[in-house]
C-alpha atoms as a PDB file:
ATOM      1  CA  MET A   1      21.455 -81.053   5.240  1.00  0.00           C
ATOM      2  CA  ARG A   2      20.123 -79.397   2.702  1.00  0.00           C
ATOM      3  CA  LEU A   3      21.697 -76.179   1.011  1.00  0.00           C
ATOM      4  CA  VAL A   4      18.866 -73.049   0.183  1.00  0.00           C
ATOM      5  CA  ALA A   5      19.767 -70.210  -1.849  1.00  0.00           C
ATOM      6  CA  ASN A   6      19.276 -66.969   0.264  1.00  0.00           C
ATOM      7  CA  LYS A   7      19.962 -64.608  -3.006  1.00  0.00           C
ATOM      8  CA  PRO A   8      19.782 -65.503  -6.634  1.00  0.00           C
ATOM      9  CA  CYS A   9      22.805 -67.516  -7.557  1.00  0.00           C
ATOM     10  CA  SER A  10      24.779 -69.918  -9.805  1.00  0.00           C
ATOM     11  CA  PHE A  11      26.325 -73.308  -8.889  1.00  0.00           C
ATOM     12  CA  GLY A  12      27.461 -76.125 -11.600  1.00  0.00           C
ATOM     13  CA  GLY A  13      26.316 -73.885 -14.442  1.00  0.00           C
ATOM     14  CA  ARG A  14      22.694 -73.757 -12.834  1.00  0.00           C
ATOM     15  CA  LYS A  15      20.942 -70.858 -11.553  1.00  0.00           C
ATOM     16  CA  PHE A  16      19.088 -70.316  -8.402  1.00  0.00           C
ATOM     17  CA  TYR A  17      16.409 -68.188  -6.784  1.00  0.00           C
ATOM     18  CA  ILE A  18      15.800 -67.208  -3.086  1.00  0.00           C
ATOM     19  CA  GLY A  19      14.349 -69.903  -1.304  1.00  0.00           C
ATOM     20  CA  GLU A  20      15.296 -72.907  -3.936  1.00  0.00           C
ATOM     21  CA  GLU A  21      17.004 -75.634  -2.694  1.00  0.00           C
ATOM     22  CA  ILE A  22      20.702 -76.328  -4.026  1.00  0.00           C
ATOM     23  CA  PRO A  23      22.201 -79.838  -4.545  1.00  0.00           C
ATOM     24  CA  GLY A  24      24.773 -80.087  -1.905  1.00  0.00           C
ATOM     25  CA  ASN A  25      26.900 -81.838  -5.110  1.00  0.00           C
ATOM     26  CA  LEU A  26      27.177 -78.696  -6.616  1.00  0.00           C
ATOM     27  CA  VAL A  27      28.806 -76.483  -3.984  1.00  0.00           C
ATOM     28  CA  ALA A  28      32.230 -77.144  -3.104  1.00  0.00           C
ATOM     29  CA  ASP A  29      32.553 -75.267   0.374  1.00  0.00           C
ATOM     30  CA  ALA A  30      28.745 -74.845   1.877  1.00  0.00           C
ATOM     31  CA  ARG A  31      30.100 -73.205   4.738  1.00  0.00           C
ATOM     32  CA  LEU A  32      32.139 -70.478   3.084  1.00  0.00           C
ATOM     33  CA  GLN A  33      28.812 -69.799   0.958  1.00  0.00           C
ATOM     34  CA  GLU A  34      26.539 -69.691   4.213  1.00  0.00           C
ATOM     35  CA  LYS A  35      29.141 -66.944   5.739  1.00  0.00           C
ATOM     36  CA  MET A  36      28.931 -65.309   2.682  1.00  0.00           C
ATOM     37  CA  GLY A  37      25.178 -64.994   2.799  1.00  0.00           C
ATOM     38  CA  VAL A  38      24.731 -66.949  -0.230  1.00  0.00           C
ATOM     39  CA  ILE A  39      23.467 -69.755   1.056  1.00  0.00           C
ATOM     40  CA  THR A  40      21.695 -71.045   4.254  1.00  0.00           C
ATOM     41  CA  ILE A  41      22.405 -74.931   5.715  1.00  0.00           C
ATOM     42  CA  VAL A  42      19.325 -76.575   6.641  1.00  0.00           C
ATOM     43  CA  LYS A  43      19.589 -79.057   9.364  1.00  0.00           C
ATOM     44  CA  ASP A  44      17.712 -82.391   8.418  1.00  0.00           C
ATOM     45  CA  GLY A  45      18.086 -83.864  12.312  1.00  0.00           C
ATOM     46  CA  THR A  46      21.441 -85.165  11.853  1.00  0.00           C
ATOM     47  CA  GLY A  47      22.477 -82.865  14.465  1.00  0.00           C
ATOM     48  CA  GLU A  48      25.584 -81.865  12.696  1.00  0.00           C
ATOM     49  CA  PRO A  49      27.424 -78.836  14.512  1.00  0.00           C
ATOM     50  CA  GLY A  50      26.922 -75.684  12.877  1.00  0.00           C
ATOM     51  CA  GLU A  51      23.778 -76.304  11.123  1.00  0.00           C
ATOM     52  CA  GLN A  52      20.220 -74.302  11.464  1.00  0.00           C
ATOM     53  CA  SER A  53      17.460 -76.377  12.763  1.00  0.00           C
ATOM     54  CA  GLY A  54      14.532 -76.177  10.063  1.00  0.00           C
ATOM     55  CA  THR A  55      13.597 -73.473   7.951  1.00  0.00           C
ATOM     56  CA  LEU A  56      14.179 -70.870  10.571  1.00  0.00           C
ATOM     57  CA  PHE A  57      16.401 -67.682   9.237  1.00  0.00           C
ATOM     58  CA  THR A  58      18.005 -64.756  11.437  1.00  0.00           C
ATOM     59  CA  LEU A  59      16.225 -61.471  11.151  1.00  0.00           C
ATOM     60  CA  GLU A  60      19.128 -60.084   9.341  1.00  0.00           C
ATOM     61  CA  GLN A  61      18.747 -62.373   6.830  1.00  0.00           C
ATOM     62  CA  VAL A  62      15.116 -61.976   6.510  1.00  0.00           C
ATOM     63  CA  GLU A  63      15.690 -58.838   5.771  1.00  0.00           C
ATOM     64  CA  LYS A  64      18.357 -59.057   3.796  1.00  0.00           C
ATOM     65  CA  MET A  65      16.149 -61.713   1.446  1.00  0.00           C
ATOM     66  CA  ILE A  66      13.197 -58.879   1.243  1.00  0.00           C
ATOM     67  CA  GLU A  67      15.754 -56.342   0.365  1.00  0.00           C
ATOM     68  CA  GLU A  68      16.595 -58.548  -2.245  1.00  0.00           C
ATOM     69  CA  ALA A  69      13.286 -59.706  -3.216  1.00  0.00           C
ATOM     70  CA  VAL A  70      11.958 -56.059  -3.827  1.00  0.00           C
ATOM     71  CA  ASP A  71      14.681 -54.751  -5.638  1.00  0.00           C
ATOM     72  CA  GLU A  72      14.400 -57.664  -8.150  1.00  0.00           C
ATOM     73  CA  ALA A  73      10.817 -56.871  -8.401  1.00  0.00           C
ATOM     74  CA  VAL A  74      11.263 -53.057  -8.890  1.00  0.00           C
ATOM     75  CA  ASN A  75      14.113 -53.633 -11.759  1.00  0.00           C
ATOM     76  CA  ASN A  76      11.651 -56.486 -13.440  1.00  0.00           C
ATOM     77  CA  THR A  77       8.589 -53.953 -13.071  1.00  0.00           C
ATOM     78  CA  VAL A  78      10.672 -51.245 -14.417  1.00  0.00           C
ATOM     79  CA  SER A  79      12.237 -52.953 -17.148  1.00  0.00           C
ATOM     80  CA  GLU A  80       8.405 -54.502 -18.443  1.00  0.00           C
ATOM     81  CA  MET A  81       7.180 -50.807 -17.999  1.00  0.00           C
ATOM     82  CA  GLY A  82       9.977 -49.323 -20.300  1.00  0.00           C
ATOM     83  CA  GLN A  83       9.213 -52.193 -22.767  1.00  0.00           C
ATOM     84  CA  ILE A  84       5.321 -51.324 -22.764  1.00  0.00           C
ATOM     85  CA  ASN A  85       6.002 -47.964 -23.217  1.00  0.00           C
ATOM     86  CA  LYS A  86       8.163 -48.332 -25.885  1.00  0.00           C
ATOM     87  CA  GLY A  87       5.581 -50.479 -28.086  1.00  0.00           C
ATOM     88  CA  LEU A  88       3.215 -47.795 -27.033  1.00  0.00           C
ATOM     89  CA  GLN A  89       5.178 -45.253 -28.731  1.00  0.00           C
ATOM     90  CA  GLU A  90       5.467 -47.435 -31.927  1.00  0.00           C
ATOM     91  CA  ALA A  91       2.281 -47.757 -31.882  1.00  0.00           C
ATOM     92  CA  ALA A  92       1.338 -44.331 -31.982  1.00  0.00           C
ATOM     93  CA  GLY A  93       3.519 -43.810 -34.626  1.00  0.00           C
ATOM     94  CA  THR A  94       1.398 -45.692 -36.861  1.00  0.00           C
ATOM     95  CA  LEU A  95      -1.795 -43.846 -36.023  1.00  0.00           C
ATOM     96  CA  GLN A  96      -2.951 -40.920 -37.521  1.00  0.00           C
ATOM     97  CA  THR A  97      -3.031 -37.897 -35.402  1.00  0.00           C
ATOM     98  CA  GLY A  98      -6.085 -35.596 -34.788  1.00  0.00           C
ATOM     99  CA  ILE A  99      -9.512 -36.090 -33.306  1.00  0.00           C
ATOM    100  CA  LEU A 100     -11.435 -38.936 -34.952  1.00  0.00           C
ATOM    101  CA  GLN A 101     -15.314 -37.280 -35.938  1.00  0.00           C
ATOM    102  CA  GLY A 102     -17.876 -38.736 -38.519  1.00  0.00           C
ATOM    103  CA  ASP A 103     -16.091 -40.876 -41.233  1.00  0.00           C
ATOM    104  CA  GLY A 104     -12.333 -39.165 -40.783  1.00  0.00           C
ATOM    105  CA  PHE A 105     -10.059 -37.196 -38.897  1.00  0.00           C
ATOM    106  CA  LEU A 106      -9.926 -33.308 -38.244  1.00  0.00           C
ATOM    107  CA  PRO A 107      -6.699 -31.767 -38.468  1.00  0.00           C
ATOM    108  CA  GLU A 108      -4.722 -31.736 -35.468  1.00  0.00           C
ATOM    109  CA  ASN A 109      -4.971 -28.905 -32.806  1.00  0.00           C
ATOM    110  CA  THR A 110      -8.924 -28.867 -33.669  1.00  0.00           C
ATOM    111  CA  VAL A 111     -11.085 -27.753 -31.231  1.00  0.00           C
ATOM    112  CA  VAL A 112     -14.817 -29.104 -31.474  1.00  0.00           C
ATOM    113  CA  ILE A 113     -17.008 -26.437 -29.751  1.00  0.00           C
ATOM    114  CA  PRO A 114     -20.650 -27.337 -28.854  1.00  0.00           C
ATOM    115  CA  VAL A 115     -22.849 -24.849 -29.934  1.00  0.00           C
ATOM    116  CA  LYS A 116     -26.155 -24.547 -28.031  1.00  0.00           C
ATOM    117  CA  GLY A 117     -29.288 -24.367 -30.458  1.00  0.00           C
ATOM    118  CA  ASP A 118     -33.359 -23.678 -29.768  1.00  0.00           C
ATOM    119  CA  SER A 119     -34.752 -26.067 -27.410  1.00  0.00           C
ATOM    120  CA  ASN A 120     -37.388 -28.337 -29.034  1.00  0.00           C
ATOM    121  CA  GLY A 121     -39.452 -28.407 -25.552  1.00  0.00           C
ATOM    122  CA  ASP A 122     -37.899 -31.733 -24.617  1.00  0.00           C
ATOM    123  CA  SER A 123     -34.437 -31.225 -25.266  1.00  0.00           C
ATOM    124  CA  GLU A 124     -31.817 -28.623 -26.268  1.00  0.00           C
ATOM    125  CA  GLN A 125     -30.278 -29.075 -29.608  1.00  0.00           C
ATOM    126  CA  GLN A 126     -26.525 -28.711 -30.012  1.00  0.00           C
ATOM    127  CA  THR A 127     -24.454 -28.368 -33.028  1.00  0.00           C
ATOM    128  CA  ALA A 128     -20.619 -29.487 -32.973  1.00  0.00           C
ATOM    129  CA  VAL A 129     -18.555 -26.997 -34.646  1.00  0.00           C
ATOM    130  CA  PRO A 130     -14.703 -27.531 -35.324  1.00  0.00           C
ATOM    131  CA  ALA A 131     -12.442 -25.099 -35.273  1.00  0.00           C
ATOM    132  CA  ASP A 132      -8.729 -24.507 -35.567  1.00  0.00           C
ATOM    133  CA  PRO A 133      -6.649 -22.024 -33.708  1.00  0.00           C
ATOM    134  CA  GLU A 134      -6.740 -19.250 -36.751  1.00  0.00           C
ATOM    135  CA  GLU A 135     -10.581 -20.029 -37.018  1.00  0.00           C
ATOM    136  CA  ILE A 136     -10.912 -19.218 -33.133  1.00  0.00           C
ATOM    137  CA  ARG A 137      -8.605 -15.940 -33.302  1.00  0.00           C
ATOM    138  CA  GLN A 138     -10.825 -14.520 -36.179  1.00  0.00           C
ATOM    139  CA  VAL A 139     -13.839 -15.157 -34.071  1.00  0.00           C
ATOM    140  CA  PHE A 140     -12.538 -13.153 -30.956  1.00  0.00           C
ATOM    141  CA  ALA A 141     -11.104 -10.976 -33.328  1.00  0.00           C
ATOM    142  CA  ILE A 142     -14.448  -9.927 -34.571  1.00  0.00           C
ATOM    143  CA  MET A 143     -16.524  -9.573 -31.280  1.00  0.00           C
ATOM    144  CA  GLN A 144     -13.709  -7.229 -29.822  1.00  0.00           C
ATOM    145  CA  MET A 145     -14.888  -4.827 -33.018  1.00  0.00           C
ATOM    146  CA  ASN A 146     -17.939  -2.387 -32.600  1.00  0.00           C
ATOM    147  CA  ALA A 147     -20.535  -3.431 -34.384  1.00  0.00           C
ATOM    148  CA  PRO A 148     -20.254  -1.937 -37.781  1.00  0.00           C
ATOM    149  CA  ASP A 149     -16.476  -2.453 -38.131  1.00  0.00           C
ATOM    150  CA  GLY A 150     -17.524  -6.407 -37.126  1.00  0.00           C
ATOM    151  CA  ALA A 151     -20.039  -6.539 -39.804  1.00  0.00           C
ATOM    152  CA  ALA A 152     -17.731  -5.464 -42.449  1.00  0.00           C
ATOM    153  CA  ALA A 153     -14.990  -7.728 -41.297  1.00  0.00           C
ATOM    154  CA  ILE A 154     -17.582 -10.570 -41.613  1.00  0.00           C
ATOM    155  CA  ALA A 155     -18.322  -9.840 -45.174  1.00  0.00           C
ATOM    156  CA  GLY A 156     -15.063 -11.053 -45.979  1.00  0.00           C
ATOM    157  CA  VAL A 157     -14.874 -13.972 -43.349  1.00  0.00           C
ATOM    158  CA  LYS A 158     -14.895 -17.409 -45.970  1.00  0.00           C
ATOM    159  CA  SER A 159     -15.144 -19.855 -42.718  1.00  0.00           C
ATOM    160  CA  GLU A 160     -18.626 -21.212 -41.810  1.00  0.00           C
ATOM    161  CA  ASN A 161     -17.048 -22.404 -38.744  1.00  0.00           C
ATOM    162  CA  VAL A 162     -16.369 -18.662 -37.905  1.00  0.00           C
ATOM    163  CA  LEU A 163     -19.506 -17.712 -38.840  1.00  0.00           C
ATOM    164  CA  ILE A 164     -21.392 -20.076 -36.823  1.00  0.00           C
ATOM    165  CA  LEU A 165     -19.425 -19.334 -33.895  1.00  0.00           C
ATOM    166  CA  LEU A 166     -19.977 -15.441 -34.510  1.00  0.00           C
ATOM    167  CA  HIS A 167     -23.770 -16.039 -34.860  1.00  0.00           C
ATOM    168  CA  ALA A 168     -24.119 -18.422 -31.754  1.00  0.00           C
ATOM    169  CA  ALA A 169     -21.683 -16.420 -29.087  1.00  0.00           C
ATOM    170  CA  ASP A 170     -22.275 -12.507 -30.189  1.00  0.00           C
ATOM    171  CA  SER A 171     -25.216 -11.231 -28.971  1.00  0.00           C
ATOM    172  CA  ARG A 172     -25.431  -8.014 -30.993  1.00  0.00           C
ATOM    173  CA  LYS A 173     -28.096  -8.448 -34.038  1.00  0.00           C
ATOM    174  CA  THR A 174     -26.054  -6.406 -36.276  1.00  0.00           C
ATOM    175  CA  ILE A 175     -22.988  -9.057 -36.362  1.00  0.00           C
ATOM    176  CA  LYS A 176     -25.510 -11.938 -36.181  1.00  0.00           C
ATOM    177  CA  ASP A 177     -27.789 -10.978 -39.330  1.00  0.00           C
ATOM    178  CA  ALA A 178     -24.074 -10.165 -41.096  1.00  0.00           C
ATOM    179  CA  ALA A 179     -22.880 -13.505 -40.108  1.00  0.00           C
ATOM    180  CA  ARG A 180     -26.347 -15.212 -41.287  1.00  0.00           C
ATOM    181  CA  LYS A 181     -26.121 -13.185 -44.526  1.00  0.00           C
ATOM    182  CA  GLN A 182     -22.539 -14.434 -45.203  1.00  0.00           C
ATOM    183  CA  ALA A 183     -23.166 -17.868 -44.638  1.00  0.00           C
ATOM    184  CA  ASP A 184     -26.091 -17.640 -47.003  1.00  0.00           C
ATOM    185  CA  ASN A 185     -23.810 -16.239 -49.483  1.00  0.00           C
ATOM    186  CA  ILE A 186     -21.356 -18.768 -49.078  1.00  0.00           C
ATOM    187  CA  PHE A 187     -23.901 -21.478 -48.817  1.00  0.00           C
ATOM    188  CA  HIS A 188     -25.485 -20.368 -52.490  1.00  0.00           C
ATOM    189  CA  ALA A 189     -22.172 -19.976 -54.272  1.00  0.00           C
ATOM    190  CA  GLN A 190     -20.872 -23.572 -53.070  1.00  0.00           C
ATOM    191  CA  SER A 191     -24.255 -24.951 -54.036  1.00  0.00           C
ATOM    192  CA  GLY A 192     -23.643 -23.144 -57.844  1.00  0.00           C
ATOM    193  CA  THR A 193     -20.203 -25.294 -57.570  1.00  0.00           C
ATOM    194  CA  ASN A 194     -21.177 -28.357 -56.076  1.00  0.00           C
ATOM    195  CA  GLU A 195     -18.025 -27.792 -53.909  1.00  0.00           C
ATOM    196  CA  PRO A 196     -18.145 -29.231 -49.956  1.00  0.00           C
ATOM    197  CA  THR A 197     -18.794 -26.626 -47.214  1.00  0.00           C
ATOM    198  CA  GLY A 198     -16.212 -25.970 -44.794  1.00  0.00           C
ATOM    199  CA  CYS A 199     -17.322 -28.272 -42.110  1.00  0.00           C
ATOM    200  CA  ASN A 200     -20.347 -30.842 -42.012  1.00  0.00           C
ATOM    201  CA  VAL A 201     -23.123 -29.034 -41.389  1.00  0.00           C
ATOM    202  CA  THR A 202     -26.178 -27.346 -43.430  1.00  0.00           C
ATOM    203  CA  THR A 203     -26.052 -23.901 -42.943  1.00  0.00           C
ATOM    204  CA  GLY A 204     -29.361 -22.420 -42.733  1.00  0.00           C
ATOM    205  CA  ALA A 205     -30.647 -24.650 -39.787  1.00  0.00           C
ATOM    206  CA  ASN A 206     -27.627 -24.120 -37.848  1.00  0.00           C
ATOM    207  CA  MET A 207     -27.475 -20.836 -38.457  1.00  0.00           C
ATOM    208  CA  GLU A 208     -31.183 -20.073 -37.063  1.00  0.00           C
ATOM    209  CA  GLY A 209     -30.453 -22.787 -33.992  1.00  0.00           C
ATOM    210  CA  ALA A 210     -27.173 -21.257 -33.316  1.00  0.00           C
ATOM    211  CA  GLY A 211     -27.690 -18.872 -30.331  1.00  0.00           C
ATOM    212  CA  THR A 212     -30.819 -16.603 -30.975  1.00  0.00           C
END
């Protein structure tokens, strides 16, 4: 006679899982445990009454075993996913937020806008222009002005990103000329003081190539 676990259980201080054989000397009342559905008594050919033949189980026992196995698997998966998620959150907390470009991170909420330039015959050139929400707002505000008011507003723009986007996106010659002129002013002013520009692009070439 062999005793097989129908569900995770413990006898004699030892844990057993579904399908594992339990030493008979650890179970005080095997028939009671079988009635409770904890174990199955498997016949070894001794002919003792009440014992099940071979390793056959009733449909009810099989369904119960499957249900318990699925529950255990789901619980283990949920627990493992929780640990993985916690680890990812802890790792994310050590990273600097923002968009990685070039040699460092751009500020969070920065949008990198591809600006099409002139085609060289083989492929169309593009310039990646980073812009924060305030710069994007400024671009749209000027684009909605009439040409004279827009040109006047451009004279006060300090961001090269805004000027490049205006030159590329606004089809009006007055706006394009004003954006190019202001970009030149900023470039010459910064060249005289050796200060870095607002974005990693060369003003002259990009203003010529960013839109026509």
